[in-house]
C-alpha atoms as a PDB file:
ATOM      1  CA  MET A   1      47.870 -11.668 112.231  1.00  0.00           C
ATOM      2  CA  SER A   2      50.580 -14.309 112.331  1.00  0.00           C
ATOM      3  CA  ARG A   3      53.475 -13.908 109.928  1.00  0.00           C
ATOM      4  CA  ILE A   4      53.191 -17.272 108.180  1.00  0.00           C
ATOM      5  CA  ARG A   5      53.953 -16.590 104.488  1.00  0.00           C
ATOM      6  CA  ALA A   6      57.322 -16.731 102.766  1.00  0.00           C
ATOM      7  CA  ALA A   7      58.495 -17.152  99.185  1.00  0.00           C
ATOM      8  CA  VAL A   8      61.423 -17.013  96.809  1.00  0.00           C
ATOM      9  CA  LEU A   9      61.444 -14.333  94.113  1.00  0.00           C
ATOM     10  CA  GLY A  10      63.541 -14.117  90.976  1.00  0.00           C
ATOM     11  CA  SER A  11      63.599 -14.494  87.220  1.00  0.00           C
ATOM     12  CA  PRO A  12      63.831 -17.227  86.067  1.00  0.00           C
ATOM     13  CA  ILE A  13      62.527 -19.012  89.158  1.00  0.00           C
ATOM     14  CA  GLU A  14      60.874 -22.270  88.055  1.00  0.00           C
ATOM     15  CA  HIS A  15      63.898 -24.439  88.920  1.00  0.00           C
ATOM     16  CA  SER A  16      64.499 -22.994  92.394  1.00  0.00           C
ATOM     17  CA  LEU A  17      64.945 -25.598  95.133  1.00  0.00           C
ATOM     18  CA  SER A  18      64.139 -23.105  97.891  1.00  0.00           C
ATOM     19  CA  PRO A  19      60.488 -24.211  98.281  1.00  0.00           C
ATOM     20  CA  VAL A  20      61.626 -27.820  98.726  1.00  0.00           C
ATOM     21  CA  LEU A  21      64.145 -26.861 101.414  1.00  0.00           C
ATOM     22  CA  HIS A  22      61.959 -24.452 103.375  1.00  0.00           C
ATOM     23  CA  ARG A  23      58.890 -26.700 103.293  1.00  0.00           C
ATOM     24  CA  ALA A  24      60.996 -29.611 104.524  1.00  0.00           C
ATOM     25  CA  ALA A  25      62.115 -27.440 107.438  1.00  0.00           C
ATOM     26  CA  TYR A  26      58.528 -26.476 108.260  1.00  0.00           C
ATOM     27  CA  ARG A  27      57.466 -30.138 108.291  1.00  0.00           C
ATOM     28  CA  GLU A  28      60.359 -31.143 110.532  1.00  0.00           C
ATOM     29  CA  LEU A  29      59.700 -28.228 112.905  1.00  0.00           C
ATOM     30  CA  GLY A  30      55.960 -28.897 113.026  1.00  0.00           C
ATOM     31  CA  LEU A  31      55.103 -25.488 111.556  1.00  0.00           C
ATOM     32  CA  ASP A  32      52.020 -26.745 109.739  1.00  0.00           C
ATOM     33  CA  GLY A  33      50.433 -23.340 109.131  1.00  0.00           C
ATOM     34  CA  ARG A  34      53.378 -21.846 107.277  1.00  0.00           C
ATOM     35  CA  THR A  35      53.594 -21.591 103.493  1.00  0.00           C
ATOM     36  CA  TYR A  36      56.537 -21.049 101.161  1.00  0.00           C
ATOM     37  CA  ASP A  37      55.990 -20.360  97.458  1.00  0.00           C
ATOM     38  CA  ARG A  38      57.880 -19.154  94.395  1.00  0.00           C
ATOM     39  CA  PHE A  39      57.073 -16.134  92.252  1.00  0.00           C
ATOM     40  CA  GLU A  40      58.485 -15.017  88.917  1.00  0.00           C
ATOM     41  CA  VAL A  41      59.465 -11.420  89.677  1.00  0.00           C
ATOM     42  CA  ASP A  42      61.917  -9.262  87.747  1.00  0.00           C
ATOM     43  CA  GLU A  43      63.437  -5.911  88.717  1.00  0.00           C
ATOM     44  CA  ALA A  44      60.556  -3.911  87.241  1.00  0.00           C
ATOM     45  CA  ALA A  45      57.923  -5.893  89.156  1.00  0.00           C
ATOM     46  CA  LEU A  46      59.755  -5.984  92.494  1.00  0.00           C
ATOM     47  CA  PRO A  47      58.549  -2.646  93.967  1.00  0.00           C
ATOM     48  CA  GLY A  48      54.918  -3.543  93.285  1.00  0.00           C
ATOM     49  CA  PHE A  49      55.301  -7.003  94.806  1.00  0.00           C
ATOM     50  CA  LEU A  50      56.813  -5.601  97.983  1.00  0.00           C
ATOM     51  CA  ALA A  51      54.168  -2.893  98.246  1.00  0.00           C
ATOM     52  CA  ALA A  52      51.389  -5.492  98.046  1.00  0.00           C
ATOM     53  CA  MET A  53      52.746  -7.672 100.872  1.00  0.00           C
ATOM     54  CA  GLY A  54      50.508  -7.759 103.914  1.00  0.00           C
ATOM     55  CA  PRO A  55      51.188  -8.441 107.622  1.00  0.00           C
ATOM     56  CA  GLU A  56      50.960 -12.194 107.020  1.00  0.00           C
ATOM     57  CA  TRP A  57      54.395 -12.158 105.359  1.00  0.00           C
ATOM     58  CA  ALA A  58      57.434 -13.354 107.337  1.00  0.00           C
ATOM     59  CA  GLY A  59      60.135 -13.098 104.715  1.00  0.00           C
ATOM     60  CA  LEU A  60      61.528 -13.540 101.233  1.00  0.00           C
ATOM     61  CA  SER A  61      64.408 -15.350  99.606  1.00  0.00           C
ATOM     62  CA  LEU A  62      65.836 -13.504  96.610  1.00  0.00           C
ATOM     63  CA  THR A  63      67.760 -14.780  93.645  1.00  0.00           C
ATOM     64  CA  MET A  64      68.981 -13.071  90.484  1.00  0.00           C
ATOM     65  CA  PRO A  65      68.358 -10.418  89.313  1.00  0.00           C
ATOM     66  CA  LEU A  66      66.976  -9.001  92.552  1.00  0.00           C
ATOM     67  CA  LYS A  67      69.825  -9.183  95.057  1.00  0.00           C
ATOM     68  CA  ARG A  68      70.976  -5.624  94.428  1.00  0.00           C
ATOM     69  CA  ALA A  69      67.770  -4.167  93.046  1.00  0.00           C
ATOM     70  CA  VAL A  70      66.002  -4.741  96.367  1.00  0.00           C
ATOM     71  CA  ILE A  71      68.384  -2.678  98.504  1.00  0.00           C
ATOM     72  CA  PRO A  72      66.812   0.777  97.910  1.00  0.00           C
ATOM     73  CA  LEU A  73      63.397  -0.721  98.744  1.00  0.00           C
ATOM     74  CA  LEU A  74      64.386  -1.878 102.237  1.00  0.00           C
ATOM     75  CA  ASP A  75      64.399  -0.160 105.626  1.00  0.00           C
ATOM     76  CA  GLY A  76      67.874  -1.463 106.437  1.00  0.00           C
ATOM     77  CA  ILE A  77      70.439  -4.132 105.574  1.00  0.00           C
ATOM     78  CA  SER A  78      72.975  -6.055 107.622  1.00  0.00           C
ATOM     79  CA  ALA A  79      76.697  -5.336 107.573  1.00  0.00           C
ATOM     80  CA  THR A  80      77.201  -8.669 105.796  1.00  0.00           C
ATOM     81  CA  ALA A  81      74.825  -7.701 102.984  1.00  0.00           C
ATOM     82  CA  ALA A  82      76.317  -4.217 102.765  1.00  0.00           C
ATOM     83  CA  SER A  83      79.829  -5.635 102.413  1.00  0.00           C
ATOM     84  CA  VAL A  84      78.964  -7.153  99.009  1.00  0.00           C
ATOM     85  CA  GLU A  85      75.987  -4.951  98.120  1.00  0.00           C
ATOM     86  CA  ALA A  86      73.781  -8.039  97.782  1.00  0.00           C
ATOM     87  CA  VAL A  87      70.687  -9.149  99.706  1.00  0.00           C
ATOM     88  CA  ASN A  88      69.323 -12.682  99.369  1.00  0.00           C
ATOM     89  CA  THR A  89      67.094 -12.587 102.474  1.00  0.00           C
ATOM     90  CA  VAL A  90      64.373 -10.159 103.523  1.00  0.00           C
ATOM     91  CA  VAL A  91      62.780 -10.479 106.947  1.00  0.00           C
ATOM     92  CA  LEU A  92      59.608  -8.580 107.784  1.00  0.00           C
ATOM     93  CA  THR A  93      59.421  -7.467 111.403  1.00  0.00           C
ATOM     94  CA  GLU A  94      56.421  -7.173 113.693  1.00  0.00           C
ATOM     95  CA  ASP A  95      56.360  -3.411 113.186  1.00  0.00           C
ATOM     96  CA  GLY A  96      56.351  -3.732 109.390  1.00  0.00           C
ATOM     97  CA  ARG A  97      59.986  -3.004 108.568  1.00  0.00           C
ATOM     98  CA  ARG A  98      61.783  -4.833 105.767  1.00  0.00           C
ATOM     99  CA  LEU A  99      65.312  -5.826 106.740  1.00  0.00           C
ATOM    100  CA  GLY A 100      67.818  -7.325 104.306  1.00  0.00           C
ATOM    101  CA  ASP A 101      70.584  -9.824 104.956  1.00  0.00           C
ATOM    102  CA  ASN A 102      72.984 -12.028 103.021  1.00  0.00           C
ATOM    103  CA  THR A 103      73.077 -15.673 104.119  1.00  0.00           C
ATOM    104  CA  ASP A 104      75.223 -16.816 101.177  1.00  0.00           C
ATOM    105  CA  ILE A 105      78.410 -15.607 102.880  1.00  0.00           C
ATOM    106  CA  PRO A 106      77.918 -17.332 106.261  1.00  0.00           C
ATOM    107  CA  GLY A 107      76.428 -20.262 104.323  1.00  0.00           C
ATOM    108  CA  ILE A 108      79.726 -20.814 102.499  1.00  0.00           C
ATOM    109  CA  VAL A 109      81.622 -20.590 105.785  1.00  0.00           C
ATOM    110  CA  ALA A 110      79.211 -22.976 107.549  1.00  0.00           C
ATOM    111  CA  ALA A 111      79.432 -25.526 104.733  1.00  0.00           C
ATOM    112  CA  LEU A 112      83.239 -25.488 104.964  1.00  0.00           C
ATOM    113  CA  HIS A 113      83.137 -25.713 108.760  1.00  0.00           C
ATOM    114  CA  GLU A 114      80.931 -28.792 108.431  1.00  0.00           C
ATOM    115  CA  ARG A 115      83.770 -30.463 106.506  1.00  0.00           C
ATOM    116  CA  GLY A 116      86.310 -29.443 109.135  1.00  0.00           C
ATOM    117  CA  ILE A 117      87.755 -26.578 107.101  1.00  0.00           C
ATOM    118  CA  ASP A 118      88.101 -23.700 109.533  1.00  0.00           C
ATOM    119  CA  GLU A 119      91.202 -22.007 108.124  1.00  0.00           C
ATOM    120  CA  VAL A 120      93.271 -22.139 104.926  1.00  0.00           C
ATOM    121  CA  PRO A 121      96.616 -20.452 104.133  1.00  0.00           C
ATOM    122  CA  SER A 122      95.562 -19.471 100.598  1.00  0.00           C
ATOM    123  CA  ALA A 123      92.741 -20.017  98.134  1.00  0.00           C
ATOM    124  CA  ALA A 124      91.689 -19.639  94.508  1.00  0.00           C
ATOM    125  CA  VAL A 125      88.413 -18.361  93.064  1.00  0.00           C
ATOM    126  CA  LEU A 126      87.339 -19.321  89.559  1.00  0.00           C
ATOM    127  CA  GLY A 127      85.215 -16.615  87.949  1.00  0.00           C
ATOM    128  CA  ALA A 128      83.922 -13.207  88.948  1.00  0.00           C
ATOM    129  CA  GLY A 129      80.571 -11.598  89.610  1.00  0.00           C
ATOM    130  CA  ALA A 130      78.087 -11.679  92.490  1.00  0.00           C
ATOM    131  CA  THR A 131      78.836 -15.217  93.687  1.00  0.00           C
ATOM    132  CA  ALA A 132      82.561 -14.583  93.478  1.00  0.00           C
ATOM    133  CA  SER A 133      82.260 -11.495  95.666  1.00  0.00           C
ATOM    134  CA  SER A 134      80.359 -13.560  98.254  1.00  0.00           C
ATOM    135  CA  ALA A 135      83.119 -16.170  98.034  1.00  0.00           C
ATOM    136  CA  LEU A 136      85.726 -13.473  98.701  1.00  0.00           C
ATOM    137  CA  ALA A 137      83.743 -12.246 101.709  1.00  0.00           C
ATOM    138  CA  ALA A 138      83.601 -15.799 103.058  1.00  0.00           C
ATOM    139  CA  LEU A 139      87.327 -16.287 102.457  1.00  0.00           C
ATOM    140  CA  GLY A 140      87.933 -13.107 104.441  1.00  0.00           C
ATOM    141  CA  ARG A 141      86.746 -15.108 107.462  1.00  0.00           C
ATOM    142  CA  ILE A 142      88.863 -18.246 106.959  1.00  0.00           C
ATOM    143  CA  CYS A 143      91.792 -17.513 104.626  1.00  0.00           C
ATOM    144  CA  THR A 144      94.947 -16.198 106.288  1.00  0.00           C
ATOM    145  CA  GLY A 145      96.851 -15.491 103.066  1.00  0.00           C
ATOM    146  CA  GLU A 146      96.370 -14.496  99.445  1.00  0.00           C
ATOM    147  CA  VAL A 147      93.380 -15.307  97.239  1.00  0.00           C
ATOM    148  CA  THR A 148      93.994 -15.649  93.510  1.00  0.00           C
ATOM    149  CA  ALA A 149      91.019 -14.914  91.266  1.00  0.00           C
ATOM    150  CA  TYR A 150      91.056 -16.350  87.749  1.00  0.00           C
ATOM    151  CA  VAL A 151      89.017 -14.195  85.372  1.00  0.00           C
ATOM    152  CA  ARG A 152      88.412 -13.698  81.655  1.00  0.00           C
ATOM    153  CA  SER A 153      88.828  -9.943  81.235  1.00  0.00           C
ATOM    154  CA  ARG A 154      90.653  -6.908  82.600  1.00  0.00           C
ATOM    155  CA  ALA A 155      87.317  -5.438  83.708  1.00  0.00           C
ATOM    156  CA  ARG A 156      86.576  -8.533  85.779  1.00  0.00           C
ATOM    157  CA  ALA A 157      90.074  -8.424  87.245  1.00  0.00           C
ATOM    158  CA  ASP A 158      89.565  -4.807  88.293  1.00  0.00           C
ATOM    159  CA  GLU A 159      86.220  -5.751  89.825  1.00  0.00           C
ATOM    160  CA  MET A 160      87.692  -8.587  91.895  1.00  0.00           C
ATOM    161  CA  ARG A 161      90.545  -6.399  93.133  1.00  0.00           C
ATOM    162  CA  HIS A 162      87.964  -3.779  94.103  1.00  0.00           C
ATOM    163  CA  TRP A 163      86.015  -6.337  96.133  1.00  0.00           C
ATOM    164  CA  GLY A 164      89.214  -7.557  97.747  1.00  0.00           C
ATOM    165  CA  GLU A 165      90.102  -4.044  98.869  1.00  0.00           C
ATOM    166  CA  ARG A 166      86.595  -3.436 100.120  1.00  0.00           C
ATOM    167  CA  LEU A 167      86.458  -6.738 102.027  1.00  0.00           C
ATOM    168  CA  GLY A 168      89.984  -6.596 103.402  1.00  0.00           C
ATOM    169  CA  VAL A 169      91.097  -9.659 101.428  1.00  0.00           C
ATOM    170  CA  SER A 170      94.450  -9.821  99.670  1.00  0.00           C
ATOM    171  CA  VAL A 171      93.457 -10.565  96.063  1.00  0.00           C
ATOM    172  CA  ARG A 172      95.745 -11.294  93.134  1.00  0.00           C
ATOM    173  CA  THR A 173      94.186 -11.731  89.701  1.00  0.00           C
ATOM    174  CA  ALA A 174      95.264 -14.065  86.930  1.00  0.00           C
ATOM    175  CA  ASP A 175      94.032 -14.735  83.411  1.00  0.00           C
ATOM    176  CA  TRP A 176      91.572 -17.555  82.844  1.00  0.00           C
ATOM    177  CA  SER A 177      94.049 -19.176  80.441  1.00  0.00           C
ATOM    178  CA  ASP A 178      96.118 -20.065  83.516  1.00  0.00           C
ATOM    179  CA  ALA A 179      93.174 -21.438  85.511  1.00  0.00           C
ATOM    180  CA  ALA A 180      94.685 -24.924  85.715  1.00  0.00           C
ATOM    181  CA  ARG A 181      97.178 -23.436  88.201  1.00  0.00           C
ATOM    182  CA  ALA A 182      94.284 -22.712  90.553  1.00  0.00           C
ATOM    183  CA  LEU A 183      93.774 -26.415  91.178  1.00  0.00           C
ATOM    184  CA  ALA A 184      96.933 -26.616  93.300  1.00  0.00           C
ATOM    185  CA  ALA A 185      95.440 -24.272  95.924  1.00  0.00           C
ATOM    186  CA  PRO A 186      94.361 -25.835  99.242  1.00  0.00           C
ATOM    187  CA  LEU A 187      90.840 -24.449  98.641  1.00  0.00           C
ATOM    188  CA  VAL A 188      89.299 -23.744  95.233  1.00  0.00           C
ATOM    189  CA  ILE A 189      85.890 -22.069  94.925  1.00  0.00           C
ATOM    190  CA  ALA A 190      84.358 -22.347  91.458  1.00  0.00           C
ATOM    191  CA  THR A 191      81.685 -19.706  90.816  1.00  0.00           C
ATOM    192  CA  THR A 192      81.380 -20.171  87.046  1.00  0.00           C
ATOM    193  CA  PRO A 193      78.359 -21.210  84.923  1.00  0.00           C
ATOM    194  CA  ALA A 194      77.755 -24.795  83.810  1.00  0.00           C
ATOM    195  CA  GLY A 195      80.445 -26.075  81.454  1.00  0.00           C
ATOM    196  CA  ALA A 196      82.949 -23.314  82.137  1.00  0.00           C
ATOM    197  CA  THR A 197      85.343 -25.498  84.133  1.00  0.00           C
ATOM    198  CA  ASP A 198      84.920 -28.756  82.180  1.00  0.00           C
ATOM    199  CA  ALA A 199      88.241 -28.325  80.385  1.00  0.00           C
ATOM    200  CA  LEU A 200      90.035 -28.144  83.746  1.00  0.00           C
ATOM    201  CA  ALA A 201      89.013 -31.692  84.745  1.00  0.00           C
ATOM    202  CA  ALA A 202      92.078 -33.193  83.081  1.00  0.00           C
ATOM    203  CA  ALA A 203      94.365 -30.900  85.100  1.00  0.00           C
ATOM    204  CA  VAL A 204      93.265 -31.996  88.602  1.00  0.00           C
ATOM    205  CA  PRO A 205      96.450 -32.797  90.562  1.00  0.00           C
ATOM    206  CA  ASP A 206      97.217 -36.165  92.131  1.00  0.00           C
ATOM    207  CA  ALA A 207      96.522 -34.991  95.687  1.00  0.00           C
ATOM    208  CA  PRO A 208      93.961 -32.175  95.442  1.00  0.00           C
ATOM    209  CA  GLY A 209      92.770 -30.174  98.414  1.00  0.00           C
ATOM    210  CA  THR A 210      89.177 -28.941  98.671  1.00  0.00           C
ATOM    211  CA  LEU A 211      86.913 -27.890  95.802  1.00  0.00           C
ATOM    212  CA  PHE A 212      83.719 -25.918  96.462  1.00  0.00           C
ATOM    213  CA  ASP A 213      81.802 -25.882  93.172  1.00  0.00           C
ATOM    214  CA  VAL A 214      78.692 -23.717  93.631  1.00  0.00           C
ATOM    215  CA  LEU A 215      76.711 -25.459  90.861  1.00  0.00           C
ATOM    216  CA  TYR A 216      74.110 -28.062  91.814  1.00  0.00           C
ATOM    217  CA  ASP A 217      72.422 -28.798  88.497  1.00  0.00           C
ATOM    218  CA  PRO A 218      73.912 -30.398  86.473  1.00  0.00           C
ATOM    219  CA  TRP A 219      75.831 -32.354  89.108  1.00  0.00           C
ATOM    220  CA  PRO A 220      78.496 -33.502  89.348  1.00  0.00           C
ATOM    221  CA  THR A 221      80.354 -31.186  87.015  1.00  0.00           C
ATOM    222  CA  ALA A 222      83.232 -32.704  85.076  1.00  0.00           C
ATOM    223  CA  LEU A 223      85.661 -30.917  87.403  1.00  0.00           C
ATOM    224  CA  ALA A 224      83.850 -32.164  90.514  1.00  0.00           C
ATOM    225  CA  ALA A 225      83.869 -35.755  89.271  1.00  0.00           C
ATOM    226  CA  ALA A 226      87.581 -35.599  88.460  1.00  0.00           C
ATOM    227  CA  TRP A 227      88.265 -34.029  91.853  1.00  0.00           C
ATOM    228  CA  THR A 228      86.647 -36.829  93.855  1.00  0.00           C
ATOM    229  CA  GLY A 229      88.267 -39.347  91.528  1.00  0.00           C
ATOM    230  CA  ARG A 230      91.635 -38.076  92.728  1.00  0.00           C
ATOM    231  CA  GLY A 231      90.587 -38.206  96.378  1.00  0.00           C
ATOM    232  CA  GLY A 232      89.941 -34.509  96.961  1.00  0.00           C
ATOM    233  CA  THR A 233      87.342 -33.067  99.323  1.00  0.00           C
ATOM    234  CA  LEU A 234      84.287 -31.842  97.411  1.00  0.00           C
ATOM    235  CA  LEU A 235      81.457 -29.462  98.274  1.00  0.00           C
ATOM    236  CA  GLY A 236      78.708 -28.593  95.825  1.00  0.00           C
ATOM    237  CA  GLY A 237      75.995 -26.078  95.232  1.00  0.00           C
ATOM    238  CA  LEU A 238      73.526 -28.087  97.316  1.00  0.00           C
ATOM    239  CA  ASP A 239      75.807 -27.608 100.337  1.00  0.00           C
ATOM    240  CA  LEU A 240      75.670 -23.837  99.850  1.00  0.00           C
ATOM    241  CA  LEU A 241      71.949 -23.826  99.106  1.00  0.00           C
ATOM    242  CA  VAL A 242      71.102 -25.824 102.228  1.00  0.00           C
ATOM    243  CA  HIS A 243      73.335 -23.883 104.600  1.00  0.00           C
ATOM    244  CA  GLN A 244      72.115 -20.478 103.419  1.00  0.00           C
ATOM    245  CA  ALA A 245      68.507 -21.741 103.610  1.00  0.00           C
ATOM    246  CA  VAL A 246      69.054 -22.962 107.184  1.00  0.00           C
ATOM    247  CA  LEU A 247      69.919 -19.404 108.182  1.00  0.00           C
ATOM    248  CA  GLN A 248      66.908 -18.049 106.306  1.00  0.00           C
ATOM    249  CA  VAL A 249      64.527 -20.462 108.034  1.00  0.00           C
ATOM    250  CA  GLU A 250      65.905 -19.472 111.426  1.00  0.00           C
ATOM    251  CA  GLN A 251      65.457 -15.767 110.683  1.00  0.00           C
ATOM    252  CA  MET A 252      61.986 -16.085 109.168  1.00  0.00           C
ATOM    253  CA  THR A 253      60.515 -18.464 111.747  1.00  0.00           C
ATOM    254  CA  GLY A 254      62.457 -17.723 114.937  1.00  0.00           C
ATOM    255  CA  HIS A 255      63.105 -21.468 115.331  1.00  0.00           C
ATOM    256  CA  ALA A 256      66.734 -22.536 115.712  1.00  0.00           C
ATOM    257  CA  PRO A 257      68.489 -24.667 114.878  1.00  0.00           C
ATOM    258  CA  ALA A 258      66.804 -25.342 111.563  1.00  0.00           C
ATOM    259  CA  PRO A 259      66.811 -29.047 110.524  1.00  0.00           C
ATOM    260  CA  LEU A 260      69.884 -29.200 108.286  1.00  0.00           C
ATOM    261  CA  ALA A 261      69.747 -32.967 107.685  1.00  0.00           C
ATOM    262  CA  ALA A 262      66.065 -32.990 106.695  1.00  0.00           C
ATOM    263  CA  MET A 263      66.558 -30.026 104.365  1.00  0.00           C
ATOM    264  CA  ARG A 264      69.578 -31.601 102.695  1.00  0.00           C
ATOM    265  CA  ALA A 265      67.746 -34.903 102.232  1.00  0.00           C
ATOM    266  CA  ALA A 266      64.779 -33.138 100.653  1.00  0.00           C
ATOM    267  CA  GLY A 267      67.007 -31.131  98.319  1.00  0.00           C
ATOM    268  CA  GLY A 268      68.964 -34.198  97.269  1.00  0.00           C
ATOM    269  CA  ALA A 269      65.780 -36.144  96.582  1.00  0.00           C
ATOM    270  CA  ALA A 270      64.387 -33.298  94.479  1.00  0.00           C
ATOM    271  CA  LEU A 271      67.545 -33.117  92.382  1.00  0.00           C
ATOM    272  CA  LEU A 272      67.505 -36.889  91.912  1.00  0.00           C
ATOM    273  CA  ALA A 273      63.882 -36.739  90.778  1.00  0.00           C
ATOM    274  CA  ARG A 274      64.761 -34.177  88.109  1.00  0.00           C
ATOM    275  CA  HIS A 275      67.089 -36.671  86.467  1.00  0.00           C
END
């Protein structure tokens, strides 16, 4: 049986753009028989969902809270996924194995490469947590100097230093109260929830560098709008979402390159329709 099914799992999942992006890729590639759906699945339901998957399944995209919960249920994970203990992609092989990968990390790098950013001397990360650890892993590939992480608690600071040591990235931590200082860095990656960086909009410098704000809805954030208003280079959550989805499509279908432009156009149109 052909492996033609794929889906995104998570909780909550109703606002996921992954079906829009993957289906756009299938249309562009002429893969008419393939399907891509979304399923509300939490950690408790994940083992049962995986056990019920038949040979028609090609792969899964995973969002919170499943990126770490899935690891013990897999037959193997890539070095990239292991580096941050997070899997956002599961590919099912011809012989029935479930292999995990993380396309968020190379997705961040690819999005920056697309804007001509191949190397930076230093960087700042706003926030901590799973996305921040992926950001650190990505910076390990392009940042030649120190990364400063701005966090709200000592526990978060310890966590970010731990990830830095694990990933081979020189990480210095600073208190969130000093986050306005981050905006002077040549590359700023904001990994915080909606509204968290709004107060920083007034502190954007006159000649900002590059801001990668991983949010895509609502968009633009107050910080993103202020950044472009001062002439800075801006990347958003849609850039990350599209680039990580491109890699997922390639792994799940075997067709490369995936149609980046068509996927981005579909994602942008879907976001516009929401508002």
